Amino acid sequence: MSSKRRVGIAHFLLRTFEMLDTPKLKHLIEWSPCGEMFYIKNSREFANKVLPQYFRHRNFQSFLRQLNMYNFVKKRLKNGWNQFQHKYFKREAKNLLIHVHRRSNGQQSDEEEQADQQDSIKKQQEQLQQIKYLQNDIVLTSSFLFQQSVILQGNFQHLKNKLLYQYIEEQKQEKFLFNTFSLLNKSQTNSPKLTQTILTQNRKETEQEPQLFVLS
């Protein structure tokens, strides 16, 4: 990857040649025994591990389009490998790369057009998948918020009932005290027996269980 770019030789060709001259990549990209062509053995792994090192992307279809633009002939082998060949692209013949020229923009092969269509379809599928993920997130978030709302409503109702009960108890105590002092004042006597009778009667009246209701 450190070799200098030669005048008149495309950067893409030099990078591809460097790949093939890197021994540690032979399990993914390698010259044929005769050196007249080269193989890409695993396109997916090649795209994920090799392309980022040399071209800063992982798009195998883009790499194929570049080869097509330089008139490489592609062939799919029975073992699943991709074979590429160009009469001026040979092992130990980097000087021949100067004769490999890129076609003009108007000269697009059928294979390139098919690759473009496949790229377009793939991007649309990825966008649809992202939309589905977003929709699922929205549904899950809405469900969670609804559950939290139900819990909060229950807690709020419980708090209202508790406060209402406390209020009723306070009212009972106030009524008891008020009735007690009123009866004592009316009795006009200090008889302990009469006082105890008054207190007992008043307590029975005030301790009657009130009917609890729920505030809406």
N, C-alpha and C. Protein backbone atom coordinates (compact mmCIF):
# COMPACT_ATOMS: atom_id res chain seq x y z
N MET A 1 0.80 -1.21 0.00
CA MET A 1 0.00 0.00 0.00
C MET A 1 0.84 1.26 0.00
N SER A 2 2.15 1.12 0.23
CA SER A 2 3.02 2.28 0.32
C SER A 2 3.68 2.62 -1.01
N SER A 3 3.47 1.84 -2.05
CA SER A 3 4.11 2.12 -3.34
C SER A 3 3.56 3.39 -3.93
N LYS A 4 4.41 4.14 -4.64
CA LYS A 4 4.03 5.42 -5.22
C LYS A 4 3.19 5.21 -6.47
N ARG A 5 2.25 6.13 -6.65
CA ARG A 5 1.40 6.06 -7.82
C ARG A 5 2.18 6.48 -9.05
N ARG A 6 2.11 5.69 -10.10
CA ARG A 6 2.85 5.98 -11.32
C ARG A 6 2.05 6.91 -12.22
N VAL A 7 2.74 7.72 -12.96
CA VAL A 7 2.10 8.66 -13.86
C VAL A 7 1.36 7.89 -14.95
N GLY A 8 0.08 8.23 -15.14
CA GLY A 8 -0.72 7.60 -16.18
C GLY A 8 -1.40 6.32 -15.75
N ILE A 9 -1.16 5.87 -14.55
CA ILE A 9 -1.80 4.64 -14.05
C ILE A 9 -2.84 5.03 -12.99
N ALA A 10 -4.03 4.54 -13.16
CA ALA A 10 -5.11 4.89 -12.25
C ALA A 10 -4.86 4.36 -10.84
N HIS A 11 -5.26 5.15 -9.87
CA HIS A 11 -5.11 4.76 -8.47
C HIS A 11 -5.82 3.43 -8.20
N PHE A 12 -6.98 3.23 -8.78
CA PHE A 12 -7.73 1.99 -8.58
C PHE A 12 -6.93 0.77 -9.01
N LEU A 13 -6.27 0.87 -10.15
CA LEU A 13 -5.49 -0.27 -10.66
C LEU A 13 -4.31 -0.58 -9.76
N LEU A 14 -3.63 0.47 -9.30
CA LEU A 14 -2.49 0.26 -8.42
C LEU A 14 -2.90 -0.39 -7.11
N ARG A 15 -4.02 0.06 -6.56
CA ARG A 15 -4.50 -0.50 -5.31
C ARG A 15 -4.89 -1.97 -5.48
N THR A 16 -5.54 -2.28 -6.57
CA THR A 16 -5.93 -3.66 -6.83
C THR A 16 -4.70 -4.54 -7.01
N PHE A 17 -3.70 -4.03 -7.69
CA PHE A 17 -2.46 -4.78 -7.88
C PHE A 17 -1.78 -5.03 -6.54
N GLU A 18 -1.83 -4.03 -5.65
CA GLU A 18 -1.22 -4.18 -4.32
C GLU A 18 -1.93 -5.26 -3.51
N MET A 19 -3.23 -5.31 -3.63
CA MET A 19 -3.97 -6.37 -2.93
C MET A 19 -3.43 -7.75 -3.32
N LEU A 20 -3.27 -7.94 -4.63
CA LEU A 20 -2.85 -9.24 -5.13
C LEU A 20 -1.40 -9.55 -4.76
N ASP A 21 -0.62 -8.54 -4.50
CA ASP A 21 0.77 -8.76 -4.10
C ASP A 21 0.95 -8.84 -2.59
N THR A 22 -0.17 -8.87 -1.85
CA THR A 22 -0.11 -8.96 -0.39
C THR A 22 -0.38 -10.41 0.03
N PRO A 23 0.62 -11.13 0.50
CA PRO A 23 0.46 -12.56 0.82
C PRO A 23 -0.63 -12.87 1.83
N LYS A 24 -0.82 -11.98 2.82
CA LYS A 24 -1.80 -12.29 3.88
C LYS A 24 -3.24 -12.22 3.38
N LEU A 25 -3.45 -11.75 2.15
CA LEU A 25 -4.80 -11.66 1.59
C LEU A 25 -5.12 -12.79 0.62
N LYS A 26 -4.22 -13.74 0.49
CA LYS A 26 -4.40 -14.81 -0.51
C LYS A 26 -5.64 -15.66 -0.26
N HIS A 27 -6.12 -15.69 0.95
CA HIS A 27 -7.32 -16.48 1.23
C HIS A 27 -8.58 -15.78 0.72
N LEU A 28 -8.43 -14.51 0.30
CA LEU A 28 -9.57 -13.75 -0.20
C LEU A 28 -9.40 -13.31 -1.65
N ILE A 29 -8.19 -12.90 -2.03
CA ILE A 29 -7.93 -12.45 -3.40
C ILE A 29 -6.53 -12.94 -3.81
N GLU A 30 -6.44 -13.54 -5.00
CA GLU A 30 -5.18 -14.19 -5.37
C GLU A 30 -5.07 -14.30 -6.89
N TRP A 31 -3.81 -14.25 -7.36
CA TRP A 31 -3.54 -14.49 -8.78
C TRP A 31 -3.82 -15.95 -9.12
N SER A 32 -4.16 -16.18 -10.36
CA SER A 32 -4.26 -17.55 -10.85
C SER A 32 -2.84 -18.12 -10.98
N PRO A 33 -2.69 -19.44 -11.06
CA PRO A 33 -1.34 -20.02 -11.18
C PRO A 33 -0.55 -19.47 -12.36
N CYS A 34 -1.24 -19.16 -13.48
CA CYS A 34 -0.52 -18.64 -14.65
C CYS A 34 -0.27 -17.14 -14.56
N GLY A 35 -0.94 -16.46 -13.62
CA GLY A 35 -0.75 -15.03 -13.46
C GLY A 35 -1.47 -14.19 -14.50
N GLU A 36 -2.34 -14.79 -15.30
CA GLU A 36 -3.05 -14.06 -16.35
C GLU A 36 -4.40 -13.49 -15.86
N MET A 37 -4.82 -13.89 -14.69
CA MET A 37 -6.11 -13.47 -14.15
C MET A 37 -6.03 -13.54 -12.63
N PHE A 38 -7.07 -13.09 -11.95
CA PHE A 38 -7.08 -13.21 -10.49
C PHE A 38 -8.48 -13.60 -10.01
N TYR A 39 -8.51 -14.09 -8.76
CA TYR A 39 -9.75 -14.59 -8.18
C TYR A 39 -10.09 -13.80 -6.91
N ILE A 40 -11.38 -13.57 -6.71
CA ILE A 40 -11.90 -13.11 -5.42
C ILE A 40 -12.71 -14.28 -4.87
N LYS A 41 -12.27 -14.83 -3.75
CA LYS A 41 -12.79 -16.11 -3.28
C LYS A 41 -14.06 -15.97 -2.42
N ASN A 42 -14.12 -14.92 -1.65
CA ASN A 42 -15.29 -14.69 -0.78
C ASN A 42 -15.64 -13.22 -0.86
N SER A 43 -16.63 -12.89 -1.66
CA SER A 43 -16.94 -11.48 -1.93
C SER A 43 -17.37 -10.73 -0.68
N ARG A 44 -18.13 -11.37 0.18
CA ARG A 44 -18.61 -10.68 1.39
C ARG A 44 -17.47 -10.36 2.34
N GLU A 45 -16.64 -11.36 2.62
CA GLU A 45 -15.50 -11.12 3.51
C GLU A 45 -14.50 -10.17 2.88
N PHE A 46 -14.32 -10.29 1.57
CA PHE A 46 -13.44 -9.38 0.84
C PHE A 46 -13.93 -7.93 0.99
N ALA A 47 -15.24 -7.73 0.85
CA ALA A 47 -15.80 -6.38 0.95
C ALA A 47 -15.65 -5.81 2.36
N ASN A 48 -15.82 -6.65 3.38
CA ASN A 48 -15.80 -6.17 4.76
C ASN A 48 -14.39 -5.97 5.31
N LYS A 49 -13.43 -6.79 4.85
CA LYS A 49 -12.10 -6.76 5.46
C LYS A 49 -11.03 -6.12 4.58
N VAL A 50 -11.16 -6.23 3.26
CA VAL A 50 -10.10 -5.76 2.38
C VAL A 50 -10.41 -4.38 1.80
N LEU A 51 -11.59 -4.20 1.27
CA LEU A 51 -11.93 -2.93 0.62
C LEU A 51 -11.73 -1.72 1.54
N PRO A 52 -12.11 -1.78 2.83
CA PRO A 52 -11.89 -0.61 3.69
C PRO A 52 -10.42 -0.21 3.81
N GLN A 53 -9.51 -1.18 3.68
CA GLN A 53 -8.08 -0.88 3.80
C GLN A 53 -7.54 -0.14 2.58
N TYR A 54 -8.15 -0.41 1.44
CA TYR A 54 -7.60 0.14 0.19
C TYR A 54 -8.48 1.22 -0.43
N PHE A 55 -9.79 1.16 -0.19
CA PHE A 55 -10.70 2.12 -0.85
C PHE A 55 -11.64 2.82 0.12
N ARG A 56 -11.53 2.53 1.40
CA ARG A 56 -12.33 3.20 2.44
C ARG A 56 -13.83 3.00 2.25
N HIS A 57 -14.24 1.88 1.75
CA HIS A 57 -15.66 1.55 1.67
C HIS A 57 -15.79 0.03 1.69
N ARG A 58 -17.03 -0.45 1.81
CA ARG A 58 -17.31 -1.89 1.86
C ARG A 58 -18.28 -2.31 0.76
N ASN A 59 -18.34 -1.56 -0.29
CA ASN A 59 -19.31 -1.80 -1.37
C ASN A 59 -18.68 -2.64 -2.47
N PHE A 60 -18.99 -3.93 -2.46
CA PHE A 60 -18.41 -4.83 -3.45
C PHE A 60 -18.92 -4.50 -4.85
N GLN A 61 -20.18 -4.09 -4.97
CA GLN A 61 -20.73 -3.74 -6.28
C GLN A 61 -20.01 -2.54 -6.88
N SER A 62 -19.60 -1.61 -6.05
CA SER A 62 -18.84 -0.46 -6.53
C SER A 62 -17.48 -0.91 -7.08
N PHE A 63 -16.86 -1.86 -6.38
CA PHE A 63 -15.58 -2.40 -6.85
C PHE A 63 -15.76 -3.10 -8.19
N LEU A 64 -16.86 -3.84 -8.34
CA LEU A 64 -17.13 -4.51 -9.63
C LEU A 64 -17.33 -3.50 -10.74
N ARG A 65 -18.02 -2.41 -10.46
CA ARG A 65 -18.26 -1.40 -11.50
C ARG A 65 -16.94 -0.79 -11.98
N GLN A 66 -16.02 -0.60 -11.04
CA GLN A 66 -14.71 -0.07 -11.43
C GLN A 66 -13.98 -1.04 -12.36
N LEU A 67 -14.02 -2.31 -12.03
CA LEU A 67 -13.38 -3.31 -12.89
C LEU A 67 -14.03 -3.31 -14.28
N ASN A 68 -15.35 -3.21 -14.31
CA ASN A 68 -16.06 -3.18 -15.59
C ASN A 68 -15.67 -1.95 -16.41
N MET A 69 -15.52 -0.83 -15.73
CA MET A 69 -15.16 0.40 -16.44
C MET A 69 -13.76 0.30 -17.06
N TYR A 70 -12.91 -0.56 -16.51
CA TYR A 70 -11.57 -0.77 -17.07
C TYR A 70 -11.52 -2.02 -17.95
N ASN A 71 -12.71 -2.51 -18.35
CA ASN A 71 -12.82 -3.60 -19.32
C ASN A 71 -12.30 -4.95 -18.81
N PHE A 72 -12.37 -5.17 -17.52
CA PHE A 72 -12.07 -6.51 -17.01
C PHE A 72 -13.22 -7.44 -17.35
N VAL A 73 -12.88 -8.66 -17.68
CA VAL A 73 -13.88 -9.67 -18.00
C VAL A 73 -14.12 -10.51 -16.74
N LYS A 74 -15.37 -10.57 -16.33
CA LYS A 74 -15.72 -11.31 -15.12
C LYS A 74 -16.33 -12.66 -15.48
N LYS A 75 -16.00 -13.65 -14.64
CA LYS A 75 -16.57 -14.98 -14.83
C LYS A 75 -16.84 -15.59 -13.45
N ARG A 76 -18.01 -16.16 -13.32
CA ARG A 76 -18.36 -16.83 -12.06
C ARG A 76 -18.00 -18.30 -12.16
N LEU A 77 -17.14 -18.76 -11.25
CA LEU A 77 -16.69 -20.15 -11.27
C LEU A 77 -17.63 -21.05 -10.46
N LYS A 78 -17.53 -22.34 -10.70
CA LYS A 78 -18.40 -23.30 -10.05
C LYS A 78 -18.20 -23.34 -8.54
N ASN A 79 -16.98 -23.07 -8.11
CA ASN A 79 -16.71 -23.10 -6.67
C ASN A 79 -17.17 -21.82 -5.95
N GLY A 80 -17.81 -20.91 -6.69
CA GLY A 80 -18.33 -19.68 -6.09
C GLY A 80 -17.38 -18.51 -6.17
N TRP A 81 -16.17 -18.71 -6.68
CA TRP A 81 -15.22 -17.61 -6.81
C TRP A 81 -15.59 -16.73 -8.00
N ASN A 82 -15.14 -15.46 -7.94
CA ASN A 82 -15.26 -14.55 -9.07
C ASN A 82 -13.89 -14.42 -9.76
N GLN A 83 -13.87 -14.65 -11.04
CA GLN A 83 -12.62 -14.57 -11.81
C GLN A 83 -12.63 -13.31 -12.67
N PHE A 84 -11.49 -12.59 -12.70
CA PHE A 84 -11.37 -11.37 -13.48
C PHE A 84 -10.11 -11.44 -14.35
N GLN A 85 -10.24 -10.90 -15.56
CA GLN A 85 -9.12 -10.99 -16.50
C GLN A 85 -9.07 -9.74 -17.38
N HIS A 86 -7.83 -9.29 -17.63
CA HIS A 86 -7.57 -8.19 -18.56
C HIS A 86 -6.21 -8.45 -19.22
N LYS A 87 -6.12 -8.21 -20.49
CA LYS A 87 -4.90 -8.57 -21.21
C LYS A 87 -3.68 -7.77 -20.75
N TYR A 88 -3.89 -6.63 -20.10
CA TYR A 88 -2.76 -5.84 -19.62
C TYR A 88 -2.65 -5.85 -18.09
N PHE A 89 -3.39 -6.71 -17.45
CA PHE A 89 -3.34 -6.81 -15.99
C PHE A 89 -2.83 -8.20 -15.64
N LYS A 90 -1.50 -8.30 -15.39
CA LYS A 90 -0.86 -9.59 -15.18
C LYS A 90 0.12 -9.51 -14.03
N ARG A 91 0.33 -10.65 -13.42
CA ARG A 91 1.27 -10.72 -12.31
C ARG A 91 2.69 -10.39 -12.78
N GLU A 92 3.41 -9.63 -11.96
CA GLU A 92 4.81 -9.25 -12.23
C GLU A 92 4.93 -8.46 -13.53
N ALA A 93 3.85 -7.77 -13.90
CA ALA A 93 3.88 -6.94 -15.12
C ALA A 93 3.18 -5.61 -14.84
N LYS A 94 3.58 -4.95 -13.77
CA LYS A 94 2.93 -3.70 -13.40
C LYS A 94 3.14 -2.62 -14.46
N ASN A 95 4.22 -2.74 -15.24
CA ASN A 95 4.48 -1.75 -16.29
C ASN A 95 3.38 -1.74 -17.36
N LEU A 96 2.64 -2.85 -17.48
CA LEU A 96 1.56 -2.92 -18.47
C LEU A 96 0.31 -2.15 -18.05
N LEU A 97 0.23 -1.77 -16.77
CA LEU A 97 -0.97 -1.09 -16.29
C LEU A 97 -1.22 0.24 -17.00
N ILE A 98 -0.18 0.81 -17.55
CA ILE A 98 -0.33 2.08 -18.26
C ILE A 98 -1.23 1.94 -19.50
N HIS A 99 -1.41 0.71 -19.95
CA HIS A 99 -2.23 0.47 -21.13
C HIS A 99 -3.69 0.15 -20.77
N VAL A 100 -3.99 0.10 -19.47
CA VAL A 100 -5.37 -0.17 -19.03
C VAL A 100 -6.08 1.17 -18.90
N HIS A 101 -7.08 1.40 -19.74
CA HIS A 101 -7.78 2.68 -19.78
C HIS A 101 -9.23 2.52 -19.38
N ARG A 102 -9.74 3.54 -18.78
CA ARG A 102 -11.14 3.58 -18.35
C ARG A 102 -12.03 3.99 -19.52
N ARG A 103 -13.16 3.32 -19.64
CA ARG A 103 -14.12 3.68 -20.69
C ARG A 103 -14.76 5.02 -20.38
N SER A 104 -15.29 5.65 -21.41
CA SER A 104 -16.00 6.92 -21.21
C SER A 104 -17.29 6.65 -20.48
N ASN A 105 -17.90 7.71 -19.91
CA ASN A 105 -19.11 7.55 -19.11
C ASN A 105 -20.27 6.99 -19.92
N GLY A 106 -20.28 7.23 -21.20
CA GLY A 106 -21.39 6.76 -22.02
C GLY A 106 -21.32 5.30 -22.35
N GLN A 107 -20.19 4.67 -22.08
CA GLN A 107 -20.02 3.26 -22.40
C GLN A 107 -20.20 2.41 -21.15
N GLN A 108 -21.42 2.12 -20.86
CA GLN A 108 -21.74 1.32 -19.68
C GLN A 108 -22.22 -0.05 -20.13
N SER A 109 -21.62 -1.06 -19.56
CA SER A 109 -21.97 -2.43 -19.95
C SER A 109 -23.30 -2.86 -19.32
N ASP A 110 -23.86 -3.94 -19.89
CA ASP A 110 -25.10 -4.48 -19.33
C ASP A 110 -24.89 -4.93 -17.89
N GLU A 111 -23.71 -5.45 -17.62
CA GLU A 111 -23.41 -5.93 -16.27
C GLU A 111 -23.38 -4.76 -15.28
N GLU A 112 -22.86 -3.63 -15.72
CA GLU A 112 -22.85 -2.45 -14.87
C GLU A 112 -24.26 -1.94 -14.59
N GLU A 113 -25.09 -1.92 -15.63
CA GLU A 113 -26.46 -1.48 -15.47
C GLU A 113 -27.19 -2.39 -14.48
N GLN A 114 -26.94 -3.70 -14.60
CA GLN A 114 -27.56 -4.64 -13.68
C GLN A 114 -27.07 -4.41 -12.25
N ALA A 115 -25.78 -4.13 -12.13
CA ALA A 115 -25.21 -3.86 -10.80
C ALA A 115 -25.82 -2.60 -10.21
N ASP A 116 -26.02 -1.57 -11.02
CA ASP A 116 -26.65 -0.33 -10.55
C ASP A 116 -28.07 -0.59 -10.07
N GLN A 117 -28.79 -1.40 -10.83
CA GLN A 117 -30.16 -1.72 -10.45
C GLN A 117 -30.18 -2.50 -9.13
N GLN A 118 -29.25 -3.42 -8.99
CA GLN A 118 -29.19 -4.20 -7.76
C GLN A 118 -28.84 -3.30 -6.58
N ASP A 119 -27.93 -2.35 -6.78
CA ASP A 119 -27.59 -1.41 -5.72
C ASP A 119 -28.79 -0.58 -5.31
N SER A 120 -29.54 -0.12 -6.32
CA SER A 120 -30.73 0.68 -6.04
C SER A 120 -31.76 -0.10 -5.26
N ILE A 121 -31.99 -1.36 -5.66
CA ILE A 121 -32.95 -2.21 -4.96
C ILE A 121 -32.50 -2.47 -3.52
N LYS A 122 -31.20 -2.71 -3.37
CA LYS A 122 -30.66 -2.99 -2.04
C LYS A 122 -30.84 -1.78 -1.12
N LYS A 123 -30.58 -0.58 -1.65
CA LYS A 123 -30.75 0.63 -0.84
C LYS A 123 -32.21 0.82 -0.44
N GLN A 124 -33.12 0.57 -1.38
CA GLN A 124 -34.54 0.69 -1.06
C GLN A 124 -34.95 -0.31 0.02
N GLN A 125 -34.44 -1.53 -0.08
CA GLN A 125 -34.75 -2.54 0.93
C GLN A 125 -34.21 -2.13 2.30
N GLU A 126 -33.01 -1.56 2.32
CA GLU A 126 -32.44 -1.11 3.59
C GLU A 126 -33.26 0.02 4.19
N GLN A 127 -33.72 0.94 3.33
CA GLN A 127 -34.55 2.04 3.82
C GLN A 127 -35.87 1.54 4.38
N LEU A 128 -36.49 0.56 3.68
CA LEU A 128 -37.73 -0.01 4.17
C LEU A 128 -37.53 -0.72 5.51
N GLN A 129 -36.39 -1.40 5.64
CA GLN A 129 -36.09 -2.09 6.89
C GLN A 129 -35.92 -1.10 8.03
N GLN A 130 -35.27 0.03 7.75
CA GLN A 130 -35.11 1.06 8.77
C GLN A 130 -36.45 1.64 9.19
N ILE A 131 -37.36 1.82 8.20
CA ILE A 131 -38.70 2.33 8.51
C ILE A 131 -39.44 1.35 9.42
N LYS A 132 -39.30 0.04 9.13
CA LYS A 132 -39.95 -0.97 9.96
C LYS A 132 -39.41 -0.93 11.39
N TYR A 133 -38.09 -0.76 11.51
CA TYR A 133 -37.50 -0.67 12.85
C TYR A 133 -38.07 0.53 13.61
N LEU A 134 -38.19 1.66 12.91
CA LEU A 134 -38.73 2.87 13.54
C LEU A 134 -40.18 2.67 13.96
N GLN A 135 -40.95 2.01 13.10
CA GLN A 135 -42.35 1.74 13.43
C GLN A 135 -42.46 0.86 14.66
N ASN A 136 -41.62 -0.17 14.74
CA ASN A 136 -41.63 -1.06 15.90
C ASN A 136 -41.26 -0.29 17.18
N ASP A 137 -40.27 0.61 17.06
CA ASP A 137 -39.88 1.42 18.22
C ASP A 137 -41.03 2.30 18.68
N ILE A 138 -41.76 2.87 17.72
CA ILE A 138 -42.89 3.75 18.07
C ILE A 138 -43.98 2.95 18.78
N VAL A 139 -44.28 1.74 18.27
CA VAL A 139 -45.30 0.89 18.89
C VAL A 139 -44.90 0.52 20.32
N LEU A 140 -43.64 0.11 20.49
CA LEU A 140 -43.17 -0.28 21.83
C LEU A 140 -43.19 0.90 22.80
N THR A 141 -42.78 2.08 22.31
CA THR A 141 -42.77 3.26 23.16
C THR A 141 -44.19 3.66 23.55
N SER A 142 -45.13 3.59 22.61
CA SER A 142 -46.52 3.93 22.89
C SER A 142 -47.11 2.98 23.93
N SER A 143 -46.80 1.68 23.80
CA SER A 143 -47.29 0.70 24.76
C SER A 143 -46.74 0.96 26.15
N PHE A 144 -45.46 1.29 26.22
CA PHE A 144 -44.83 1.57 27.52
C PHE A 144 -45.46 2.80 28.17
N LEU A 145 -45.67 3.86 27.37
CA LEU A 145 -46.26 5.08 27.91
C LEU A 145 -47.68 4.84 28.40
N PHE A 146 -48.44 4.00 27.68
CA PHE A 146 -49.80 3.69 28.11
C PHE A 146 -49.79 2.96 29.45
N GLN A 147 -48.89 1.98 29.60
CA GLN A 147 -48.80 1.24 30.85
C GLN A 147 -48.43 2.17 32.01
N GLN A 148 -47.49 3.07 31.76
CA GLN A 148 -47.11 4.02 32.81
C GLN A 148 -48.26 4.94 33.17
N SER A 149 -49.06 5.31 32.17
CA SER A 149 -50.21 6.17 32.43
C SER A 149 -51.23 5.46 33.32
N VAL A 150 -51.47 4.17 33.06
CA VAL A 150 -52.41 3.39 33.88
C VAL A 150 -51.91 3.30 35.32
N ILE A 151 -50.61 3.07 35.48
CA ILE A 151 -50.03 2.97 36.83
C ILE A 151 -50.16 4.29 37.57
N LEU A 152 -49.88 5.39 36.90
CA LEU A 152 -49.97 6.71 37.53
C LEU A 152 -51.41 7.03 37.93
N GLN A 153 -52.36 6.67 37.07
CA GLN A 153 -53.76 6.91 37.40
C GLN A 153 -54.18 6.12 38.64
N GLY A 154 -53.72 4.86 38.74
CA GLY A 154 -54.02 4.05 39.92
C GLY A 154 -53.43 4.63 41.18
N ASN A 155 -52.15 5.08 41.09
CA ASN A 155 -51.50 5.69 42.25
C ASN A 155 -52.20 6.96 42.68
N PHE A 156 -52.65 7.75 41.71
CA PHE A 156 -53.32 9.01 42.01
C PHE A 156 -54.67 8.74 42.69
N GLN A 157 -55.40 7.73 42.22
CA GLN A 157 -56.68 7.39 42.83
C GLN A 157 -56.50 6.90 44.26
N HIS A 158 -55.46 6.11 44.48
CA HIS A 158 -55.17 5.61 45.83
C HIS A 158 -54.85 6.77 46.77
N LEU A 159 -54.09 7.73 46.28
CA LEU A 159 -53.74 8.89 47.10
C LEU A 159 -54.97 9.72 47.45
N LYS A 160 -55.89 9.87 46.49
CA LYS A 160 -57.11 10.63 46.74
C LYS A 160 -57.95 9.94 47.83
N ASN A 161 -58.06 8.61 47.74
CA ASN A 161 -58.83 7.87 48.74
C ASN A 161 -58.21 8.00 50.14
N LYS A 162 -56.88 7.97 50.18
CA LYS A 162 -56.18 8.08 51.46
C LYS A 162 -56.40 9.45 52.09
N LEU A 163 -56.29 10.49 51.27
CA LEU A 163 -56.52 11.84 51.78
C LEU A 163 -57.97 12.04 52.22
N LEU A 164 -58.91 11.44 51.48
CA LEU A 164 -60.32 11.55 51.85
C LEU A 164 -60.58 10.87 53.19
N TYR A 165 -59.97 9.70 53.37
CA TYR A 165 -60.15 8.99 54.64
C TYR A 165 -59.60 9.82 55.80
N GLN A 166 -58.44 10.44 55.63
CA GLN A 166 -57.86 11.27 56.68
C GLN A 166 -58.77 12.46 56.99
N TYR A 167 -59.33 13.02 55.94
CA TYR A 167 -60.22 14.17 56.12
C TYR A 167 -61.45 13.77 56.93
N ILE A 168 -62.05 12.63 56.64
CA ILE A 168 -63.23 12.16 57.36
C ILE A 168 -62.92 11.91 58.83
N GLU A 169 -61.75 11.31 59.09
CA GLU A 169 -61.35 11.06 60.47
C GLU A 169 -61.20 12.36 61.24
N GLU A 170 -60.61 13.36 60.59
CA GLU A 170 -60.46 14.65 61.26
C GLU A 170 -61.82 15.29 61.54
N GLN A 171 -62.75 15.14 60.59
CA GLN A 171 -64.09 15.68 60.79
C GLN A 171 -64.80 14.97 61.95
N LYS A 172 -64.61 13.68 62.10
CA LYS A 172 -65.19 12.93 63.20
C LYS A 172 -64.67 13.42 64.55
N GLN A 173 -63.36 13.65 64.60
CA GLN A 173 -62.77 14.14 65.84
C GLN A 173 -63.31 15.52 66.20
N GLU A 174 -63.40 16.38 65.22
CA GLU A 174 -63.92 17.72 65.48
C GLU A 174 -65.38 17.66 65.95
N LYS A 175 -66.18 16.79 65.30
CA LYS A 175 -67.59 16.66 65.68
C LYS A 175 -67.71 16.13 67.11
N PHE A 176 -66.85 15.17 67.46
CA PHE A 176 -66.88 14.61 68.81
C PHE A 176 -66.58 15.68 69.86
N LEU A 177 -65.56 16.45 69.63
CA LEU A 177 -65.20 17.48 70.59
C LEU A 177 -66.28 18.55 70.68
N PHE A 178 -66.82 18.92 69.54
CA PHE A 178 -67.85 19.96 69.53
C PHE A 178 -69.09 19.49 70.28
N ASN A 179 -69.55 18.29 70.00
CA ASN A 179 -70.74 17.76 70.67
C ASN A 179 -70.52 17.59 72.16
N THR A 180 -69.32 17.16 72.52
CA THR A 180 -69.01 16.95 73.94
C THR A 180 -69.12 18.23 74.72
N PHE A 181 -68.45 19.27 74.25
CA PHE A 181 -68.49 20.55 74.97
C PHE A 181 -69.88 21.17 74.95
N SER A 182 -70.61 20.96 73.87
CA SER A 182 -71.97 21.51 73.81
C SER A 182 -72.87 20.86 74.85
N LEU A 183 -72.80 19.53 74.96
CA LEU A 183 -73.63 18.82 75.93
C LEU A 183 -73.24 19.16 77.37
N LEU A 184 -71.94 19.31 77.59
CA LEU A 184 -71.48 19.65 78.94
C LEU A 184 -71.99 21.03 79.36
N ASN A 185 -71.97 21.92 78.44
CA ASN A 185 -72.45 23.27 78.74
C ASN A 185 -73.94 23.28 79.02
N LYS A 186 -74.71 22.44 78.33
CA LYS A 186 -76.15 22.40 78.51
C LYS A 186 -76.57 21.64 79.77
N SER A 187 -75.75 20.77 80.25
CA SER A 187 -76.13 19.93 81.39
C SER A 187 -76.23 20.74 82.69
N GLN A 188 -75.40 21.80 82.77
CA GLN A 188 -75.36 22.67 83.96
C GLN A 188 -75.13 21.85 85.23
N THR A 189 -74.33 20.84 85.15
CA THR A 189 -74.02 20.03 86.32
C THR A 189 -72.62 19.49 86.18
N ASN A 190 -71.99 19.22 87.33
CA ASN A 190 -70.64 18.64 87.31
C ASN A 190 -70.65 17.19 87.74
N SER A 191 -71.79 16.53 87.67
CA SER A 191 -71.88 15.13 88.11
C SER A 191 -71.00 14.25 87.23
N PRO A 192 -70.04 13.53 87.81
CA PRO A 192 -69.18 12.62 87.01
C PRO A 192 -69.97 11.59 86.26
N LYS A 193 -71.04 11.06 86.87
CA LYS A 193 -71.84 10.03 86.20
C LYS A 193 -72.52 10.58 84.96
N LEU A 194 -73.06 11.78 85.09
CA LEU A 194 -73.72 12.40 83.94
C LEU A 194 -72.72 12.72 82.84
N THR A 195 -71.54 13.18 83.25
CA THR A 195 -70.49 13.51 82.27
C THR A 195 -70.06 12.27 81.50
N GLN A 196 -69.90 11.14 82.23
CA GLN A 196 -69.50 9.89 81.56
C GLN A 196 -70.58 9.41 80.61
N THR A 197 -71.84 9.58 80.98
CA THR A 197 -72.96 9.18 80.11
C THR A 197 -72.95 10.00 78.83
N ILE A 198 -72.73 11.28 78.98
CA ILE A 198 -72.70 12.18 77.82
C ILE A 198 -71.56 11.80 76.87
N LEU A 199 -70.37 11.55 77.44
CA LEU A 199 -69.21 11.21 76.61
C LEU A 199 -69.44 9.90 75.87
N THR A 200 -70.03 8.91 76.56
CA THR A 200 -70.28 7.60 75.93
C THR A 200 -71.27 7.73 74.78
N GLN A 201 -72.34 8.48 75.02
CA GLN A 201 -73.35 8.65 73.97
C GLN A 201 -72.77 9.39 72.77
N ASN A 202 -71.97 10.40 73.06
CA ASN A 202 -71.37 11.20 71.96
C ASN A 202 -70.39 10.37 71.15
N ARG A 203 -69.62 9.52 71.83
CA ARG A 203 -68.64 8.69 71.13
C ARG A 203 -69.33 7.70 70.20
N LYS A 204 -70.44 7.13 70.63
CA LYS A 204 -71.19 6.19 69.79
C LYS A 204 -71.69 6.87 68.53
N GLU A 205 -72.11 8.12 68.67
CA GLU A 205 -72.64 8.85 67.51
C GLU A 205 -71.53 9.16 66.50
N THR A 206 -70.39 9.55 67.02
CA THR A 206 -69.30 9.99 66.12
C THR A 206 -68.51 8.84 65.53
N GLU A 207 -68.56 7.67 66.18
CA GLU A 207 -67.77 6.53 65.69
C GLU A 207 -68.51 5.71 64.64
N GLN A 208 -69.68 6.13 64.27
CA GLN A 208 -70.36 5.43 63.18
C GLN A 208 -69.52 5.53 61.91
N GLU A 209 -69.34 4.39 61.25
CA GLU A 209 -68.47 4.32 60.06
C GLU A 209 -69.07 5.16 58.94
N PRO A 210 -68.35 6.14 58.44
CA PRO A 210 -68.87 6.96 57.34
C PRO A 210 -68.81 6.18 56.03
N GLN A 211 -69.64 6.55 55.12
CA GLN A 211 -69.64 5.90 53.78
C GLN A 211 -68.57 6.55 52.93
N LEU A 212 -67.58 5.74 52.56
CA LEU A 212 -66.44 6.26 51.77
C LEU A 212 -66.82 6.31 50.29
N PHE A 213 -66.54 7.39 49.66
CA PHE A 213 -66.83 7.54 48.25
C PHE A 213 -65.56 7.97 47.52
N VAL A 214 -65.52 7.76 46.22
CA VAL A 214 -64.35 8.05 45.41
C VAL A 214 -64.56 9.33 44.66
N LEU A 215 -63.60 10.22 44.80
CA LEU A 215 -63.67 11.49 44.05
C LEU A 215 -63.32 11.23 42.59
N SER A 216 -64.05 11.83 41.73
CA SER A 216 -63.76 11.66 40.29
C SER A 216 -62.96 12.84 39.80
